[in-house]
Amino acid sequence: MTMRRAFHGTPVNRLIVSVPLPDVEAVDSLLSTRGGKHPANGCRAEFIRLAIAEKLSRDLMIKAVPKRGP
């Protein structure tokens, strides 16, 4: 299933990644067992885009929290 994302004028760059086969199979399994209810809707590329956005959000939030200490 292909999906054309609309980035509404935001510049985009293509990212090609190599992923171990068990990870790809786990993603495929997750996307197929959700019956179209996953936000990626069966699209591996969209799953990866969402995962990157989520990871960046978490890491930036952690970075913004002041360190406690002496």
N, C-alpha and C. Protein backbone atom coordinates (compact mmCIF):
# COMPACT_ATOMS: atom_id res chain seq x y z
N MET A 1 0.85 -1.17 0.00
CA MET A 1 0.00 0.00 0.00
C MET A 1 0.89 1.23 0.00
N THR A 2 0.66 2.13 -0.92
CA THR A 2 1.45 3.36 -0.97
C THR A 2 0.64 4.50 -0.38
N MET A 3 1.37 5.46 0.13
CA MET A 3 0.72 6.62 0.75
C MET A 3 1.52 7.86 0.37
N ARG A 4 0.87 8.87 -0.15
CA ARG A 4 1.53 10.13 -0.45
C ARG A 4 1.29 11.08 0.70
N ARG A 5 2.34 11.43 1.39
CA ARG A 5 2.21 12.36 2.51
C ARG A 5 2.24 13.78 1.98
N ALA A 6 1.46 14.62 2.59
CA ALA A 6 1.47 16.04 2.27
C ALA A 6 2.25 16.76 3.37
N PHE A 7 3.37 17.35 3.02
CA PHE A 7 4.17 18.04 4.01
C PHE A 7 3.91 19.55 3.99
N HIS A 8 2.94 19.97 3.21
CA HIS A 8 2.46 21.36 3.19
C HIS A 8 3.60 22.37 3.03
N GLY A 9 4.48 22.13 2.08
CA GLY A 9 5.54 23.07 1.78
C GLY A 9 6.79 22.93 2.63
N THR A 10 6.75 22.07 3.64
CA THR A 10 7.94 21.85 4.47
C THR A 10 8.98 21.12 3.64
N PRO A 11 10.24 21.60 3.64
CA PRO A 11 11.27 20.89 2.89
C PRO A 11 11.44 19.46 3.42
N VAL A 12 11.64 18.52 2.53
CA VAL A 12 11.82 17.13 2.93
C VAL A 12 13.12 16.59 2.32
N ASN A 13 13.65 15.56 2.94
CA ASN A 13 14.83 14.88 2.44
C ASN A 13 14.58 13.38 2.58
N ARG A 14 15.03 12.62 1.61
CA ARG A 14 14.83 11.18 1.65
C ARG A 14 15.91 10.55 2.51
N LEU A 15 15.52 9.62 3.35
CA LEU A 15 16.43 8.93 4.25
C LEU A 15 16.31 7.44 3.99
N ILE A 16 17.42 6.81 3.66
CA ILE A 16 17.43 5.37 3.41
C ILE A 16 18.17 4.72 4.57
N VAL A 17 17.55 3.73 5.18
CA VAL A 17 18.16 3.06 6.33
C VAL A 17 18.22 1.56 6.10
N SER A 18 19.19 0.94 6.74
CA SER A 18 19.28 -0.52 6.75
C SER A 18 18.85 -0.99 8.13
N VAL A 19 17.95 -1.96 8.15
CA VAL A 19 17.38 -2.44 9.40
C VAL A 19 17.47 -3.96 9.42
N PRO A 20 17.85 -4.53 10.56
CA PRO A 20 17.89 -6.00 10.64
C PRO A 20 16.52 -6.60 10.31
N LEU A 21 16.54 -7.73 9.62
CA LEU A 21 15.32 -8.39 9.18
C LEU A 21 14.33 -8.66 10.32
N PRO A 22 14.78 -9.10 11.51
CA PRO A 22 13.81 -9.31 12.59
C PRO A 22 13.04 -8.04 12.97
N ASP A 23 13.71 -6.89 12.88
CA ASP A 23 13.03 -5.62 13.17
C ASP A 23 11.97 -5.31 12.11
N VAL A 24 12.32 -5.56 10.85
CA VAL A 24 11.36 -5.33 9.76
C VAL A 24 10.15 -6.26 9.94
N GLU A 25 10.42 -7.51 10.27
CA GLU A 25 9.33 -8.46 10.47
C GLU A 25 8.45 -8.05 11.65
N ALA A 26 9.06 -7.51 12.71
CA ALA A 26 8.28 -7.04 13.86
C ALA A 26 7.39 -5.86 13.48
N VAL A 27 7.92 -4.94 12.68
CA VAL A 27 7.12 -3.80 12.21
C VAL A 27 5.97 -4.30 11.34
N ASP A 28 6.27 -5.19 10.40
CA ASP A 28 5.23 -5.73 9.53
C ASP A 28 4.15 -6.44 10.34
N SER A 29 4.57 -7.19 11.34
CA SER A 29 3.61 -7.91 12.18
C SER A 29 2.72 -6.93 12.93
N LEU A 30 3.32 -5.90 13.49
CA LEU A 30 2.55 -4.89 14.21
C LEU A 30 1.54 -4.20 13.30
N LEU A 31 2.00 -3.80 12.12
CA LEU A 31 1.13 -3.07 11.21
C LEU A 31 0.01 -3.96 10.67
N SER A 32 0.28 -5.25 10.48
CA SER A 32 -0.75 -6.13 9.91
C SER A 32 -1.76 -6.60 10.96
N THR A 33 -1.35 -6.68 12.23
CA THR A 33 -2.26 -7.18 13.26
C THR A 33 -3.18 -6.09 13.80
N ARG A 34 -2.90 -4.84 13.50
CA ARG A 34 -3.74 -3.76 14.02
C ARG A 34 -4.96 -3.50 13.14
N GLY A 35 -5.05 -4.17 12.01
CA GLY A 35 -6.22 -4.05 11.15
C GLY A 35 -6.46 -2.64 10.62
N GLY A 36 -5.39 -1.93 10.28
CA GLY A 36 -5.54 -0.58 9.74
C GLY A 36 -5.76 0.48 10.80
N LYS A 37 -5.67 0.11 12.08
CA LYS A 37 -5.91 1.08 13.14
C LYS A 37 -4.64 1.77 13.62
N HIS A 38 -3.49 1.33 13.12
CA HIS A 38 -2.23 1.97 13.49
C HIS A 38 -2.12 3.28 12.71
N PRO A 39 -1.57 4.34 13.32
CA PRO A 39 -1.43 5.62 12.60
C PRO A 39 -0.65 5.50 11.29
N ALA A 40 0.25 4.53 11.19
CA ALA A 40 1.02 4.35 9.95
C ALA A 40 0.19 3.65 8.88
N ASN A 41 -0.92 3.04 9.28
CA ASN A 41 -1.86 2.41 8.36
C ASN A 41 -1.19 1.47 7.36
N GLY A 42 -0.30 0.60 7.85
CA GLY A 42 0.32 -0.40 7.00
C GLY A 42 1.51 0.06 6.20
N CYS A 43 1.98 1.27 6.40
CA CYS A 43 3.08 1.83 5.62
C CYS A 43 4.35 1.87 6.47
N ARG A 44 5.35 1.07 6.08
CA ARG A 44 6.61 1.03 6.83
C ARG A 44 7.25 2.41 6.93
N ALA A 45 7.30 3.14 5.82
CA ALA A 45 7.96 4.45 5.81
C ALA A 45 7.28 5.40 6.79
N GLU A 46 5.97 5.37 6.84
CA GLU A 46 5.24 6.23 7.77
C GLU A 46 5.51 5.80 9.21
N PHE A 47 5.61 4.49 9.45
CA PHE A 47 5.94 3.99 10.78
C PHE A 47 7.29 4.54 11.23
N ILE A 48 8.28 4.48 10.34
CA ILE A 48 9.62 4.97 10.66
C ILE A 48 9.60 6.48 10.88
N ARG A 49 8.87 7.22 10.05
CA ARG A 49 8.77 8.67 10.21
C ARG A 49 8.18 9.01 11.57
N LEU A 50 7.12 8.31 11.96
CA LEU A 50 6.50 8.54 13.27
C LEU A 50 7.43 8.16 14.41
N ALA A 51 8.17 7.06 14.24
CA ALA A 51 9.11 6.62 15.29
C ALA A 51 10.23 7.64 15.48
N ILE A 52 10.75 8.19 14.38
CA ILE A 52 11.79 9.20 14.48
C ILE A 52 11.26 10.45 15.17
N ALA A 53 10.06 10.89 14.78
CA ALA A 53 9.47 12.08 15.40
C ALA A 53 9.25 11.87 16.89
N GLU A 54 8.77 10.69 17.27
CA GLU A 54 8.53 10.40 18.69
C GLU A 54 9.84 10.37 19.47
N LYS A 55 10.86 9.72 18.92
CA LYS A 55 12.16 9.63 19.59
C LYS A 55 12.80 11.01 19.74
N LEU A 56 12.73 11.83 18.71
CA LEU A 56 13.27 13.19 18.79
C LEU A 56 12.55 14.00 19.86
N SER A 57 11.24 13.87 19.90
CA SER A 57 10.44 14.59 20.89
C SER A 57 10.86 14.22 22.31
N ARG A 58 11.00 12.92 22.56
CA ARG A 58 11.41 12.45 23.90
C ARG A 58 12.81 12.93 24.25
N ASP A 59 13.75 12.78 23.31
CA ASP A 59 15.13 13.16 23.60
C ASP A 59 15.27 14.66 23.81
N LEU A 60 14.54 15.45 23.04
CA LEU A 60 14.60 16.90 23.22
C LEU A 60 13.97 17.31 24.55
N MET A 61 12.93 16.59 24.97
CA MET A 61 12.29 16.89 26.25
C MET A 61 13.26 16.56 27.40
N ILE A 62 13.94 15.43 27.30
CA ILE A 62 14.91 15.04 28.33
C ILE A 62 16.05 16.05 28.39
N LYS A 63 16.49 16.50 27.22
CA LYS A 63 17.59 17.46 27.16
C LYS A 63 17.19 18.80 27.79
N ALA A 64 15.91 19.17 27.69
CA ALA A 64 15.44 20.45 28.21
C ALA A 64 15.28 20.46 29.72
N VAL A 65 15.17 19.28 30.33
CA VAL A 65 14.99 19.21 31.78
C VAL A 65 16.32 19.50 32.46
N PRO A 66 16.35 20.48 33.38
CA PRO A 66 17.61 20.80 34.06
C PRO A 66 18.10 19.62 34.90
N LYS A 67 19.40 19.43 34.90
CA LYS A 67 19.99 18.35 35.69
C LYS A 67 19.96 18.73 37.16
N ARG A 68 19.63 17.75 37.99
CA ARG A 68 19.66 17.95 39.44
C ARG A 68 21.01 17.54 39.97
N GLY A 69 21.45 18.22 40.96
CA GLY A 69 22.72 17.84 41.53
C GLY A 69 23.30 18.95 42.38
N PRO A 70 24.49 18.72 42.88
CA PRO A 70 25.11 19.72 43.77
C PRO A 70 25.48 20.99 43.09
